Amino acid sequence: MNEKAILEIHDLDISFRTNAGSVHAIRGVDLDLQRGETVAIVGESGSGKSVTMKAATGLLDSNATVNRGQVLYRCREEDGTERIIDLLRLPKKVLRRDINGRHIAMVFQDPMTSLDPTMQIGKQIMEGLLLHTKLGKQEAQARAVELLELVGIPQPEKRMKNYPHQLSGGMRQRVVIAIALSGNPDILICDEPTTALDVTIQAKILDLIKDIQHRMGLSVIYITHDLGVVAKVADYVNVMYAGKIVEVGNVNEIFYDPRHPYTWGLLSAMPDLETDDERLYSIPGSPPNLLHEPRGDAFAPRNAFALTIDEKAAPPLFKITDTHYAATWLLHPDAPKFELPPELRARLERARKEAGL
């Protein structure tokens, strides 16, 4: 395991048993998270983003089978010692008792599914504190008030007695973040944390998570389909398609020098005030049905730049720089030369100028 990494996923492979057959949802995923960094996993619905991180937290459904792989976590104990744990090898009870909340916490997209509507929010925050720390009831109550203040909720003492339905969507999401932080975790996993919120509140929640990350020294993983969120928060980006990472790089490499046709499609589909097109671009076709695992490159049927070999063999990750890799045969030395779509090329040039690159 890399000395700087706090979490590493190696060759993760997961299937789900269904009435229609076995769905091969995750097909050899590799991912790493350095201490203090923010990594984004981006892709369409069904690409495997959430399943990958649920495997790390023991939240996979009962019909899931982990075929192979490792999820290595560098755990820092209270006495300062470190040990490396393969989270996939831990019994679920142990994982949920000793790791979840205490070392790795998760923020989900809809706060109403995370909060108990019949319990005051103060008690919900205290529940995690009493479970994961050695605080007494009064100390836990005082810490819960501090956490509400940390996440920007005004009059925290008063809000402790509120029920979830008495708060706005943005306030509820702040409470969920406070609960996630109650165990003082090393890693915060944010699964579409702003999807259920309006645009103005989205920006505030993202700024809040970023501010808390710097204050607490957190490592953060964002799971999202929104490239706007990625551009705002991420250090590194993993683009996921049909259960595989198809492009990985730092945020500048992905946004200003994308190499995979799927990444081109995602960037082209982002709204742009300067574009000449009257309609918003959408990637043609649909993601493959993983009940029937695709032969070759899973993106080939939707790829206007597909080569003959794409139908026969899945491409490896080709190295572009030390931090930038993409799984497309277009990067093979023998592949024909190609040009970016003109509108995307113009868009990237505008973005580079705006960023001063």
Protein backbone atom coordinates (compact mmCIF):
# COMPACT_ATOMS: atom_id res chain seq x y z
CA MET A 1 0.00 0.00 0.00
CA ASN A 2 1.26 3.49 -0.92
CA GLU A 3 2.61 5.24 2.18
CA LYS A 4 0.54 8.38 1.51
CA ALA A 5 -2.69 6.52 0.75
CA ILE A 6 -5.41 6.20 3.37
CA LEU A 7 -7.66 4.01 1.17
CA GLU A 8 -6.80 1.79 -1.78
CA ILE A 9 -9.15 -0.36 -3.84
CA HIS A 10 -7.53 -3.13 -5.89
CA ASP A 11 -9.23 -5.13 -8.66
CA LEU A 12 -12.68 -4.96 -7.06
CA ASP A 13 -15.17 -7.26 -8.79
CA ILE A 14 -18.82 -7.55 -7.67
CA SER A 15 -21.88 -9.40 -9.02
CA PHE A 16 -25.54 -9.29 -7.97
CA ARG A 17 -27.91 -12.25 -8.07
CA THR A 18 -31.26 -11.30 -9.62
CA ASN A 19 -34.30 -13.21 -10.87
CA ALA A 20 -33.10 -12.56 -14.41
CA GLY A 21 -29.55 -13.82 -13.73
CA SER A 22 -26.21 -12.53 -12.48
CA VAL A 23 -25.43 -8.83 -13.02
CA HIS A 24 -21.68 -8.18 -13.21
CA ALA A 25 -21.89 -4.64 -11.79
CA ILE A 26 -18.25 -3.92 -10.83
CA ARG A 27 -15.60 -5.28 -13.19
CA GLY A 28 -12.10 -4.76 -11.78
CA VAL A 29 -12.03 -1.31 -10.20
CA ASP A 30 -8.77 0.25 -8.93
CA LEU A 31 -8.90 3.49 -6.96
CA ASP A 32 -6.80 5.24 -4.33
CA LEU A 33 -7.34 8.12 -1.92
CA GLN A 34 -4.46 10.06 -0.39
CA ARG A 35 -4.70 11.56 3.09
CA GLY A 36 -6.31 15.03 2.99
CA GLU A 37 -7.28 14.80 -0.71
CA THR A 38 -10.64 14.89 -2.47
CA VAL A 39 -11.37 12.23 -5.08
CA ALA A 40 -14.49 12.28 -7.25
CA ILE A 41 -16.12 9.26 -8.90
CA VAL A 42 -18.26 10.47 -11.79
CA GLY A 43 -20.50 8.70 -14.29
CA GLU A 44 -24.08 8.04 -15.35
CA SER A 45 -26.60 6.31 -13.08
CA GLY A 46 -25.88 2.58 -12.93
CA SER A 47 -22.17 2.92 -13.71
CA GLY A 48 -21.21 1.43 -10.32
CA LYS A 49 -20.15 4.53 -8.39
CA SER A 50 -22.20 3.95 -5.24
CA VAL A 51 -21.76 0.16 -5.26
CA THR A 52 -17.98 0.58 -5.20
CA MET A 53 -18.09 2.66 -2.02
CA LYS A 54 -20.83 0.56 -0.41
CA ALA A 55 -18.43 -2.38 -0.66
CA ALA A 56 -15.95 -0.38 1.44
CA THR A 57 -18.55 0.31 4.14
CA GLY A 58 -20.25 -3.10 4.30
CA LEU A 59 -23.51 -1.69 2.94
CA LEU A 60 -23.87 -4.00 -0.06
CA ASP A 61 -27.25 -5.68 -0.45
CA SER A 62 -27.60 -9.32 0.58
CA ASN A 63 -27.73 -10.49 -3.06
CA ALA A 64 -24.22 -9.08 -3.75
CA THR A 65 -21.15 -11.30 -4.14
CA VAL A 66 -17.62 -9.90 -4.01
CA ASN A 67 -15.81 -12.11 -6.53
CA ARG A 68 -12.34 -10.71 -5.86
CA GLY A 69 -10.45 -7.60 -4.81
CA GLN A 70 -9.17 -5.69 -1.80
CA VAL A 71 -10.27 -2.51 -0.03
CA LEU A 72 -7.25 -1.51 2.06
CA TYR A 73 -7.70 1.12 4.78
CA ARG A 74 -4.81 2.62 6.71
CA CYS A 75 -6.33 2.82 10.18
CA ARG A 76 -4.85 5.22 12.71
CA GLU A 77 -5.47 4.08 16.28
CA GLU A 78 -5.95 6.35 19.31
CA ASP A 79 -2.38 5.69 20.47
CA GLY A 80 -1.03 6.92 17.11
CA THR A 81 -0.12 3.51 15.69
CA GLU A 82 -1.22 2.59 12.17
CA ARG A 83 -2.36 -0.71 10.73
CA ILE A 84 -3.65 -1.70 7.30
CA ILE A 85 -7.05 -3.42 7.24
CA ASP A 86 -8.69 -5.14 4.27
CA LEU A 87 -12.27 -3.99 4.83
CA LEU A 88 -13.63 -6.79 2.63
CA ARG A 89 -12.22 -9.37 5.03
CA LEU A 90 -13.87 -7.90 8.13
CA PRO A 91 -17.17 -9.43 9.32
CA LYS A 92 -20.02 -6.98 8.65
CA LYS A 93 -20.78 -6.60 12.36
CA VAL A 94 -17.19 -5.65 13.11
CA LEU A 95 -17.03 -3.27 10.13
CA ARG A 96 -20.19 -1.48 11.19
CA ARG A 97 -19.22 -1.35 14.87
CA ASP A 98 -15.53 -0.42 14.62
CA ILE A 99 -15.09 1.31 11.23
CA ASN A 100 -18.35 2.89 10.07
CA GLY A 101 -18.94 6.28 11.64
CA ARG A 102 -15.79 6.08 13.71
CA HIS A 103 -13.26 5.99 10.85
CA ILE A 104 -15.29 6.13 7.63
CA ALA A 105 -18.56 8.09 7.46
CA MET A 106 -21.07 8.49 4.64
CA VAL A 107 -23.39 11.35 3.64
CA PHE A 108 -26.30 10.26 1.42
CA GLN A 109 -28.19 12.30 -1.15
CA ASP A 110 -31.62 12.50 0.52
CA PRO A 111 -31.38 13.61 4.16
CA MET A 112 -34.92 12.41 4.92
CA THR A 113 -33.88 8.81 4.30
CA SER A 114 -30.93 9.24 6.71
CA LEU A 115 -32.83 10.91 9.56
CA ASP A 116 -35.38 9.35 11.92
CA PRO A 117 -38.55 11.51 11.60
CA THR A 118 -39.68 10.56 15.13
CA MET A 119 -36.47 11.60 16.94
CA GLN A 120 -35.16 15.05 17.80
CA ILE A 121 -32.05 15.91 15.77
CA GLY A 122 -30.01 16.50 18.93
CA LYS A 123 -30.62 12.92 20.06
CA GLN A 124 -29.72 11.61 16.60
CA ILE A 125 -26.34 13.35 16.73
CA MET A 126 -25.76 12.24 20.33
CA GLU A 127 -26.49 8.63 19.36
CA GLY A 128 -23.33 8.49 17.24
CA LEU A 129 -21.28 10.30 19.86
CA LEU A 130 -22.30 7.90 22.62
CA LEU A 131 -21.62 4.90 20.36
CA HIS A 132 -18.22 5.92 18.95
CA THR A 133 -16.68 8.02 21.74
CA LYS A 134 -16.19 7.75 25.50
CA LEU A 135 -18.22 10.89 26.20
CA GLY A 136 -20.89 10.96 28.90
CA LYS A 137 -24.42 12.16 28.16
CA GLN A 138 -23.83 15.81 29.11
CA GLU A 139 -20.51 15.94 27.22
CA ALA A 140 -22.17 14.36 24.18
CA GLN A 141 -24.92 16.96 24.31
CA ALA A 142 -22.39 19.79 24.43
CA ARG A 143 -20.45 18.22 21.54
CA ALA A 144 -23.67 17.85 19.50
CA VAL A 145 -24.29 21.59 19.91
CA GLU A 146 -20.70 22.25 18.74
CA LEU A 147 -21.24 20.07 15.68
CA LEU A 148 -24.44 21.90 14.75
CA GLU A 149 -22.52 25.15 15.06
CA LEU A 150 -19.68 23.71 12.96
CA VAL A 151 -22.05 22.90 10.09
CA GLY A 152 -23.51 26.40 10.17
CA ILE A 153 -26.88 25.88 11.85
CA PRO A 154 -27.95 29.04 13.74
CA GLN A 155 -29.21 28.81 17.34
CA PRO A 156 -27.85 25.25 17.72
CA GLU A 157 -29.14 24.80 21.31
CA LYS A 158 -32.67 25.53 20.13
CA ARG A 159 -32.35 23.35 17.03
CA MET A 160 -31.33 20.35 19.15
CA LYS A 161 -35.01 19.93 20.06
CA ASN A 162 -36.30 20.17 16.48
CA TYR A 163 -37.55 17.21 14.45
CA PRO A 164 -36.37 16.73 10.84
CA HIS A 165 -39.67 17.93 9.33
CA GLN A 166 -39.21 21.28 11.08
CA LEU A 167 -36.04 22.01 9.09
CA SER A 168 -35.48 22.98 5.45
CA GLY A 169 -33.76 20.57 3.02
CA GLY A 170 -30.46 22.42 3.32
CA MET A 171 -30.66 22.41 7.14
CA ARG A 172 -31.43 18.67 7.17
CA GLN A 173 -28.40 17.96 5.00
CA ARG A 174 -26.26 19.98 7.43
CA VAL A 175 -27.60 17.80 10.26
CA VAL A 176 -26.67 14.65 8.30
CA ILE A 177 -23.15 16.05 7.86
CA ALA A 178 -22.98 16.78 11.61
CA ILE A 179 -23.96 13.15 12.34
CA ALA A 180 -21.30 11.92 9.89
CA LEU A 181 -18.67 14.03 11.66
CA SER A 182 -19.71 12.96 15.17
CA GLY A 183 -17.29 10.01 15.26
CA ASN A 184 -14.39 12.22 14.09
CA PRO A 185 -13.77 10.07 10.96
CA ASP A 186 -10.70 10.04 8.69
CA ILE A 187 -12.72 9.56 5.49
CA LEU A 188 -16.00 11.20 4.47
CA ILE A 189 -17.89 9.62 1.55
CA CYS A 190 -20.43 11.97 -0.01
CA ASP A 191 -22.95 10.15 -2.23
CA GLU A 192 -24.66 12.82 -4.36
CA PRO A 193 -24.83 15.10 -1.29
CA THR A 194 -26.52 18.00 -3.10
CA THR A 195 -28.86 16.28 -5.59
CA ALA A 196 -32.02 16.84 -3.51
CA LEU A 197 -31.22 20.53 -2.92
CA ASP A 198 -31.81 23.65 -5.01
CA VAL A 199 -28.84 25.25 -6.77
CA THR A 200 -28.17 28.05 -4.28
CA ILE A 201 -28.15 25.64 -1.34
CA GLN A 202 -25.97 23.17 -3.29
CA ALA A 203 -23.12 25.68 -3.48
CA LYS A 204 -23.34 26.40 0.26
CA ILE A 205 -23.23 22.70 1.18
CA LEU A 206 -20.20 22.10 -1.08
CA ASP A 207 -18.38 25.08 0.46
CA LEU A 208 -19.30 23.80 3.92
CA ILE A 209 -17.87 20.31 3.26
CA LYS A 210 -14.71 21.86 1.80
CA ASP A 211 -14.28 24.14 4.83
CA ILE A 212 -14.81 21.27 7.30
CA GLN A 213 -12.38 19.09 5.34
CA HIS A 214 -9.60 21.65 5.79
CA ARG A 215 -10.41 22.20 9.46
CA MET A 216 -10.53 18.50 10.36
CA GLY A 217 -7.97 17.14 7.87
CA LEU A 218 -10.51 14.83 6.25
CA SER A 219 -10.04 12.76 3.11
CA VAL A 220 -13.20 13.03 0.97
CA ILE A 221 -14.73 10.89 -1.77
CA TYR A 222 -17.54 12.43 -3.85
CA ILE A 223 -19.89 10.18 -5.80
CA THR A 224 -21.70 12.27 -8.41
CA HIS A 225 -22.95 12.53 -11.97
CA ASP A 226 -22.59 16.34 -11.88
CA LEU A 227 -19.32 17.54 -13.42
CA GLY A 228 -20.04 21.02 -12.06
CA VAL A 229 -19.69 19.60 -8.54
CA VAL A 230 -16.48 17.79 -9.56
CA ALA A 231 -14.89 20.97 -10.91
CA LYS A 232 -15.63 22.78 -7.65
CA VAL A 233 -14.36 20.24 -5.13
CA ALA A 234 -12.09 17.50 -6.56
CA ASP A 235 -8.31 17.07 -6.66
CA TYR A 236 -8.53 13.83 -8.67
CA VAL A 237 -11.32 12.43 -10.83
CA ASN A 238 -12.25 8.83 -11.69
CA VAL A 239 -14.62 8.56 -14.65
CA MET A 240 -16.66 5.35 -14.38
CA TYR A 241 -18.62 3.50 -17.06
CA ALA A 242 -20.29 0.07 -16.96
CA GLY A 243 -18.53 -1.02 -13.78
CA LYS A 244 -15.02 0.11 -14.79
CA ILE A 245 -12.82 3.18 -14.35
CA VAL A 246 -12.32 4.41 -17.94
CA GLU A 247 -10.34 7.58 -17.21
CA VAL A 248 -8.49 8.89 -14.17
CA GLY A 249 -6.52 12.09 -13.71
CA ASN A 250 -6.23 15.28 -11.73
CA VAL A 251 -9.05 17.76 -12.15
CA ASN A 252 -7.20 19.87 -14.75
CA GLU A 253 -6.34 16.83 -16.88
CA ILE A 254 -9.93 15.60 -16.92
CA PHE A 255 -11.49 18.99 -17.62
CA TYR A 256 -8.95 20.51 -20.02
CA ASP A 257 -7.32 17.47 -21.65
CA PRO A 258 -9.83 14.58 -21.60
CA ARG A 259 -8.81 11.53 -23.63
CA HIS A 260 -11.72 9.08 -23.39
CA PRO A 261 -14.73 9.54 -25.72
CA TYR A 262 -17.08 8.95 -22.77
CA THR A 263 -15.47 11.83 -20.86
CA TRP A 264 -15.86 13.96 -23.99
CA GLY A 265 -19.57 13.13 -23.97
CA LEU A 266 -19.98 14.04 -20.30
CA LEU A 267 -18.20 17.37 -20.79
CA SER A 268 -20.19 18.13 -23.95
CA ALA A 269 -23.44 17.52 -22.05
CA MET A 270 -22.63 20.25 -19.50
CA PRO A 271 -24.59 23.47 -20.03
CA ASP A 272 -22.43 26.21 -21.58
CA LEU A 273 -23.62 29.78 -22.15
CA GLU A 274 -21.12 30.30 -24.98
CA THR A 275 -22.14 27.32 -27.13
CA ASP A 276 -23.69 27.82 -30.56
CA ASP A 277 -25.89 24.72 -30.26
CA GLU A 278 -29.57 25.35 -29.60
CA ARG A 279 -30.03 21.99 -27.86
CA LEU A 280 -28.04 20.44 -25.01
CA TYR A 281 -25.86 17.56 -26.17
CA SER A 282 -26.64 14.04 -24.92
CA ILE A 283 -24.56 10.90 -25.38
CA PRO A 284 -26.39 8.69 -27.91
CA GLY A 285 -27.70 5.27 -26.87
CA SER A 286 -27.88 3.74 -23.40
CA PRO A 287 -25.41 2.08 -21.01
CA PRO A 288 -25.07 -1.70 -21.56
CA ASN A 289 -27.17 -4.25 -19.70
CA LEU A 290 -24.60 -5.96 -17.46
CA LEU A 291 -26.77 -9.08 -17.29
CA HIS A 292 -25.04 -9.76 -20.59
CA GLU A 293 -21.46 -8.64 -20.11
CA PRO A 294 -20.26 -6.77 -23.20
CA ARG A 295 -17.44 -8.19 -25.26
CA GLY A 296 -14.69 -5.68 -25.92
CA ASP A 297 -15.14 -2.02 -25.00
CA ALA A 298 -18.51 -1.52 -23.26
CA PHE A 299 -18.72 2.05 -24.61
CA ALA A 300 -18.15 1.05 -28.26
CA PRO A 301 -21.87 0.98 -29.33
CA ARG A 302 -22.23 4.63 -28.22
CA ASN A 303 -18.81 5.77 -29.45
CA ALA A 304 -18.63 7.63 -32.77
CA PHE A 305 -14.83 7.08 -32.72
CA ALA A 306 -14.99 3.29 -32.10
CA LEU A 307 -12.40 1.13 -33.85
CA THR A 308 -12.78 -2.46 -35.08
CA ILE A 309 -10.75 -3.75 -32.12
CA ASP A 310 -13.27 -2.21 -29.68
CA GLU A 311 -15.72 -4.98 -30.55
CA LYS A 312 -13.15 -7.71 -29.83
CA ALA A 313 -11.09 -6.65 -26.79
CA ALA A 314 -11.49 -4.33 -23.82
CA PRO A 315 -8.77 -1.64 -23.80
CA PRO A 316 -6.27 -1.40 -20.94
CA LEU A 317 -5.58 1.89 -19.15
CA PHE A 318 -3.04 3.71 -21.32
CA LYS A 319 -0.65 6.06 -19.51
CA ILE A 320 -0.76 9.70 -20.65
CA THR A 321 1.09 11.27 -17.70
CA ASP A 322 2.09 10.01 -14.25
CA THR A 323 -1.39 10.94 -13.00
CA HIS A 324 -3.50 10.62 -16.17
CA TYR A 325 -4.71 7.30 -17.66
CA ALA A 326 -7.53 6.41 -20.06
CA ALA A 327 -8.93 3.07 -21.23
CA THR A 328 -9.42 3.67 -24.95
CA TRP A 329 -7.81 2.04 -27.99
CA LEU A 330 -7.56 5.53 -29.53
CA LEU A 331 -4.42 5.97 -27.38
CA HIS A 332 -2.68 2.92 -28.84
CA PRO A 333 0.39 3.90 -30.91
CA ASP A 334 -1.08 2.14 -33.97
CA ALA A 335 -4.50 3.81 -33.69
CA PRO A 336 -5.51 6.30 -36.41
CA LYS A 337 -5.21 9.98 -35.56
CA PHE A 338 -8.44 11.65 -34.49
CA GLU A 339 -9.77 15.13 -33.79
CA LEU A 340 -11.91 16.21 -30.87
CA PRO A 341 -15.47 17.23 -31.79
CA PRO A 342 -15.18 20.91 -32.86
CA GLU A 343 -17.69 22.22 -30.30
CA LEU A 344 -15.95 20.39 -27.45
CA ARG A 345 -12.55 21.63 -28.62
CA ALA A 346 -13.84 25.22 -28.61
CA ARG A 347 -15.39 24.68 -25.18
CA LEU A 348 -12.14 23.33 -23.71
CA GLU A 349 -10.17 26.23 -25.17
CA ARG A 350 -12.59 28.70 -23.55
CA ALA A 351 -12.31 26.83 -20.24
CA ARG A 352 -8.50 26.90 -20.39
CA LYS A 353 -8.49 30.67 -21.01
CA GLU A 354 -10.90 31.27 -18.13
CA ALA A 355 -8.68 29.16 -15.84
CA GLY A 356 -5.54 30.99 -17.05
CA LEU A 357 -3.90 27.80 -18.34
